Amino acid sequence: MSYLETQLTKRQEQIKEYQEMNSSLTKTFELISAEKEINETPKEISSKYIKELKEYNELRDAGLRLAQIIADEKQCKIKDVFEEIGYSLKD
């Protein structure tokens, strides 16, 4: 068996393995979706998640800008502003 044939065989085995994994994951998703009564496709779920993540980041950025304005007015560090109101700078 030549090198190319060996590589081709390996790739075909990998493809088969990936197809089996995909099938298994699809079945698992369908079971969980039915259990949780979710009627969305994986693509719809990920699109929704990305949209919500973008909105969260925009709101967080706006909050940080406001905190920076307050820190500038008080002539202190933004960390001090967050400590004063009882929040952590960690996400």
N, C-alpha and C. Protein backbone atom coordinates (compact mmCIF):
# COMPACT_ATOMS: atom_id res chain seq x y z
N MET A 1 0.85 -1.18 0.00
CA MET A 1 0.00 0.00 0.00
C MET A 1 0.89 1.24 0.00
N SER A 2 0.63 2.14 -0.91
CA SER A 2 1.48 3.33 -1.03
C SER A 2 1.15 4.35 0.06
N TYR A 3 2.01 5.31 0.16
CA TYR A 3 1.84 6.38 1.15
C TYR A 3 0.52 7.11 0.94
N LEU A 4 0.20 7.44 -0.30
CA LEU A 4 -1.05 8.17 -0.59
C LEU A 4 -2.28 7.34 -0.24
N GLU A 5 -2.22 6.05 -0.52
CA GLU A 5 -3.35 5.18 -0.18
C GLU A 5 -3.54 5.10 1.33
N THR A 6 -2.42 5.04 2.05
CA THR A 6 -2.47 5.00 3.51
C THR A 6 -3.09 6.28 4.06
N GLN A 7 -2.66 7.41 3.52
CA GLN A 7 -3.20 8.70 3.96
C GLN A 7 -4.69 8.81 3.64
N LEU A 8 -5.06 8.33 2.47
CA LEU A 8 -6.46 8.36 2.06
C LEU A 8 -7.31 7.51 2.99
N THR A 9 -6.82 6.35 3.33
CA THR A 9 -7.54 5.46 4.24
C THR A 9 -7.71 6.11 5.62
N LYS A 10 -6.65 6.74 6.10
CA LYS A 10 -6.71 7.43 7.39
C LYS A 10 -7.75 8.55 7.36
N ARG A 11 -7.74 9.32 6.29
CA ARG A 11 -8.69 10.43 6.16
C ARG A 11 -10.12 9.92 6.08
N GLN A 12 -10.32 8.82 5.37
CA GLN A 12 -11.67 8.26 5.27
C GLN A 12 -12.15 7.78 6.63
N GLU A 13 -11.25 7.20 7.42
CA GLU A 13 -11.60 6.76 8.77
C GLU A 13 -11.94 7.96 9.65
N GLN A 14 -11.18 9.05 9.51
CA GLN A 14 -11.46 10.26 10.28
C GLN A 14 -12.82 10.83 9.91
N ILE A 15 -13.11 10.84 8.63
CA ILE A 15 -14.41 11.36 8.17
C ILE A 15 -15.54 10.52 8.76
N LYS A 16 -15.38 9.22 8.73
CA LYS A 16 -16.40 8.34 9.29
C LYS A 16 -16.57 8.60 10.78
N GLU A 17 -15.45 8.76 11.48
CA GLU A 17 -15.49 9.03 12.92
C GLU A 17 -16.21 10.37 13.20
N TYR A 18 -15.90 11.39 12.41
CA TYR A 18 -16.54 12.69 12.59
C TYR A 18 -18.03 12.63 12.27
N GLN A 19 -18.40 11.84 11.28
CA GLN A 19 -19.81 11.69 10.96
C GLN A 19 -20.56 11.01 12.10
N GLU A 20 -19.93 10.01 12.72
CA GLU A 20 -20.53 9.33 13.86
C GLU A 20 -20.67 10.27 15.05
N MET A 21 -19.64 11.08 15.27
CA MET A 21 -19.69 12.06 16.36
C MET A 21 -20.80 13.07 16.12
N ASN A 22 -20.93 13.52 14.89
CA ASN A 22 -21.97 14.47 14.52
C ASN A 22 -23.34 13.87 14.77
N SER A 23 -23.52 12.64 14.37
CA SER A 23 -24.79 11.96 14.56
C SER A 23 -25.12 11.83 16.05
N SER A 24 -24.12 11.47 16.84
CA SER A 24 -24.31 11.33 18.28
C SER A 24 -24.67 12.68 18.92
N LEU A 25 -23.96 13.71 18.54
CA LEU A 25 -24.24 15.04 19.08
C LEU A 25 -25.63 15.54 18.67
N THR A 26 -26.01 15.25 17.44
CA THR A 26 -27.33 15.65 16.96
C THR A 26 -28.42 14.96 17.77
N LYS A 27 -28.26 13.67 18.02
CA LYS A 27 -29.23 12.93 18.83
C LYS A 27 -29.30 13.48 20.25
N THR A 28 -28.13 13.78 20.83
CA THR A 28 -28.08 14.34 22.18
C THR A 28 -28.79 15.69 22.22
N PHE A 29 -28.53 16.52 21.23
CA PHE A 29 -29.19 17.83 21.15
C PHE A 29 -30.70 17.67 21.06
N GLU A 30 -31.15 16.74 20.22
CA GLU A 30 -32.58 16.52 20.06
C GLU A 30 -33.22 16.04 21.35
N LEU A 31 -32.55 15.14 22.08
CA LEU A 31 -33.07 14.66 23.35
C LEU A 31 -33.18 15.78 24.38
N ILE A 32 -32.12 16.57 24.49
CA ILE A 32 -32.12 17.67 25.46
C ILE A 32 -33.15 18.72 25.06
N SER A 33 -33.25 19.00 23.77
CA SER A 33 -34.23 19.98 23.29
C SER A 33 -35.65 19.54 23.61
N ALA A 34 -35.93 18.27 23.41
CA ALA A 34 -37.26 17.74 23.71
C ALA A 34 -37.53 17.80 25.21
N GLU A 35 -36.52 17.45 26.00
CA GLU A 35 -36.65 17.47 27.45
C GLU A 35 -36.91 18.87 27.98
N LYS A 36 -36.20 19.84 27.43
CA LYS A 36 -36.31 21.24 27.87
C LYS A 36 -37.37 22.02 27.09
N GLU A 37 -38.01 21.34 26.15
CA GLU A 37 -39.04 21.96 25.31
C GLU A 37 -38.49 23.16 24.53
N ILE A 38 -37.35 22.95 23.91
CA ILE A 38 -36.71 23.97 23.09
C ILE A 38 -37.03 23.66 21.63
N ASN A 39 -37.55 24.65 20.92
CA ASN A 39 -37.95 24.45 19.54
C ASN A 39 -37.06 25.23 18.57
N GLU A 40 -35.82 25.47 18.96
CA GLU A 40 -34.90 26.23 18.12
C GLU A 40 -33.80 25.32 17.60
N THR A 41 -33.27 25.67 16.45
CA THR A 41 -32.14 24.92 15.91
C THR A 41 -30.85 25.39 16.58
N PRO A 42 -29.80 24.60 16.50
CA PRO A 42 -28.52 25.05 17.08
C PRO A 42 -28.06 26.39 16.51
N LYS A 43 -28.28 26.61 15.23
CA LYS A 43 -27.87 27.87 14.61
C LYS A 43 -28.66 29.04 15.20
N GLU A 44 -29.96 28.85 15.42
CA GLU A 44 -30.78 29.91 16.01
C GLU A 44 -30.34 30.20 17.44
N ILE A 45 -30.02 29.15 18.17
CA ILE A 45 -29.57 29.33 19.56
C ILE A 45 -28.25 30.08 19.60
N SER A 46 -27.30 29.69 18.75
CA SER A 46 -26.00 30.38 18.77
C SER A 46 -26.13 31.82 18.29
N SER A 47 -26.99 32.08 17.31
CA SER A 47 -27.21 33.45 16.83
C SER A 47 -27.80 34.32 17.94
N LYS A 48 -28.76 33.75 18.67
CA LYS A 48 -29.39 34.47 19.78
C LYS A 48 -28.35 34.76 20.87
N TYR A 49 -27.51 33.76 21.17
CA TYR A 49 -26.49 33.93 22.19
C TYR A 49 -25.49 35.01 21.79
N ILE A 50 -25.06 35.01 20.55
CA ILE A 50 -24.11 36.02 20.07
C ILE A 50 -24.73 37.41 20.14
N LYS A 51 -25.99 37.53 19.76
CA LYS A 51 -26.68 38.82 19.82
C LYS A 51 -26.75 39.33 21.26
N GLU A 52 -27.11 38.43 22.19
CA GLU A 52 -27.19 38.82 23.60
C GLU A 52 -25.81 39.16 24.16
N LEU A 53 -24.78 38.44 23.73
CA LEU A 53 -23.42 38.72 24.18
C LEU A 53 -22.95 40.09 23.70
N LYS A 54 -23.28 40.44 22.45
CA LYS A 54 -22.94 41.76 21.93
C LYS A 54 -23.65 42.85 22.73
N GLU A 55 -24.92 42.64 23.04
CA GLU A 55 -25.68 43.62 23.82
C GLU A 55 -25.07 43.79 25.21
N TYR A 56 -24.71 42.67 25.84
CA TYR A 56 -24.07 42.71 27.15
C TYR A 56 -22.77 43.53 27.09
N ASN A 57 -21.94 43.27 26.08
CA ASN A 57 -20.67 43.98 25.95
C ASN A 57 -20.88 45.48 25.75
N GLU A 58 -21.89 45.85 24.95
CA GLU A 58 -22.19 47.26 24.75
C GLU A 58 -22.63 47.92 26.06
N LEU A 59 -23.47 47.24 26.83
CA LEU A 59 -23.93 47.79 28.11
C LEU A 59 -22.78 47.90 29.11
N ARG A 60 -21.93 46.87 29.13
CA ARG A 60 -20.77 46.90 30.03
C ARG A 60 -19.84 48.05 29.67
N ASP A 61 -19.61 48.24 28.37
CA ASP A 61 -18.75 49.34 27.93
C ASP A 61 -19.33 50.70 28.30
N ALA A 62 -20.64 50.84 28.16
CA ALA A 62 -21.30 52.10 28.54
C ALA A 62 -21.15 52.33 30.04
N GLY A 63 -21.33 51.27 30.82
CA GLY A 63 -21.16 51.40 32.27
C GLY A 63 -19.74 51.78 32.66
N LEU A 64 -18.77 51.18 31.99
CA LEU A 64 -17.37 51.53 32.27
C LEU A 64 -17.05 52.97 31.89
N ARG A 65 -17.65 53.44 30.78
CA ARG A 65 -17.43 54.84 30.39
C ARG A 65 -18.02 55.78 31.44
N LEU A 66 -19.21 55.45 31.94
CA LEU A 66 -19.83 56.28 32.99
C LEU A 66 -18.99 56.27 34.26
N ALA A 67 -18.50 55.09 34.62
CA ALA A 67 -17.65 55.00 35.81
C ALA A 67 -16.37 55.80 35.62
N GLN A 68 -15.84 55.81 34.41
CA GLN A 68 -14.62 56.59 34.13
C GLN A 68 -14.90 58.08 34.25
N ILE A 69 -16.07 58.51 33.80
CA ILE A 69 -16.44 59.93 33.93
C ILE A 69 -16.51 60.31 35.39
N ILE A 70 -17.12 59.44 36.21
CA ILE A 70 -17.21 59.71 37.66
C ILE A 70 -15.82 59.75 38.26
N ALA A 71 -14.96 58.80 37.89
CA ALA A 71 -13.59 58.77 38.42
C ALA A 71 -12.83 60.02 38.02
N ASP A 72 -13.03 60.49 36.80
CA ASP A 72 -12.37 61.72 36.35
C ASP A 72 -12.84 62.92 37.17
N GLU A 73 -14.14 62.98 37.43
CA GLU A 73 -14.69 64.09 38.22
C GLU A 73 -14.17 64.07 39.65
N LYS A 74 -14.04 62.88 40.22
CA LYS A 74 -13.55 62.75 41.60
C LYS A 74 -12.02 62.75 41.66
N GLN A 75 -11.39 62.71 40.51
CA GLN A 75 -9.93 62.64 40.40
C GLN A 75 -9.38 61.44 41.17
N CYS A 76 -9.96 60.28 40.85
CA CYS A 76 -9.50 59.04 41.46
C CYS A 76 -9.47 57.94 40.41
N LYS A 77 -9.09 56.76 40.83
CA LYS A 77 -9.05 55.63 39.91
C LYS A 77 -10.45 55.05 39.75
N ILE A 78 -10.68 54.45 38.59
CA ILE A 78 -11.97 53.81 38.34
C ILE A 78 -12.20 52.68 39.35
N LYS A 79 -11.11 52.03 39.77
CA LYS A 79 -11.20 50.97 40.77
C LYS A 79 -11.81 51.50 42.06
N ASP A 80 -11.44 52.72 42.45
CA ASP A 80 -11.98 53.32 43.67
C ASP A 80 -13.48 53.57 43.55
N VAL A 81 -13.92 53.97 42.38
CA VAL A 81 -15.35 54.20 42.15
C VAL A 81 -16.12 52.89 42.32
N PHE A 82 -15.60 51.83 41.74
CA PHE A 82 -16.28 50.53 41.86
C PHE A 82 -16.28 50.03 43.30
N GLU A 83 -15.18 50.21 44.01
CA GLU A 83 -15.13 49.78 45.41
C GLU A 83 -16.13 50.58 46.24
N GLU A 84 -16.27 51.87 45.94
CA GLU A 84 -17.19 52.73 46.67
C GLU A 84 -18.64 52.26 46.54
N ILE A 85 -19.00 51.76 45.35
CA ILE A 85 -20.38 51.33 45.16
C ILE A 85 -20.54 49.81 45.38
N GLY A 86 -19.48 49.14 45.74
CA GLY A 86 -19.55 47.74 46.11
C GLY A 86 -19.51 46.75 44.95
N TYR A 87 -18.91 47.13 43.83
CA TYR A 87 -18.78 46.24 42.68
C TYR A 87 -17.33 45.88 42.43
N SER A 88 -17.14 44.75 41.79
CA SER A 88 -15.81 44.30 41.41
C SER A 88 -15.57 44.63 39.94
N LEU A 89 -14.34 44.88 39.57
CA LEU A 89 -14.01 45.16 38.17
C LEU A 89 -14.00 43.89 37.34
N LYS A 90 -14.08 42.73 37.98
CA LYS A 90 -14.09 41.48 37.23
C LYS A 90 -15.44 41.30 36.55
N ASP A 91 -15.43 40.65 35.36
CA ASP A 91 -16.67 40.38 34.62
C ASP A 91 -17.50 39.40 35.35
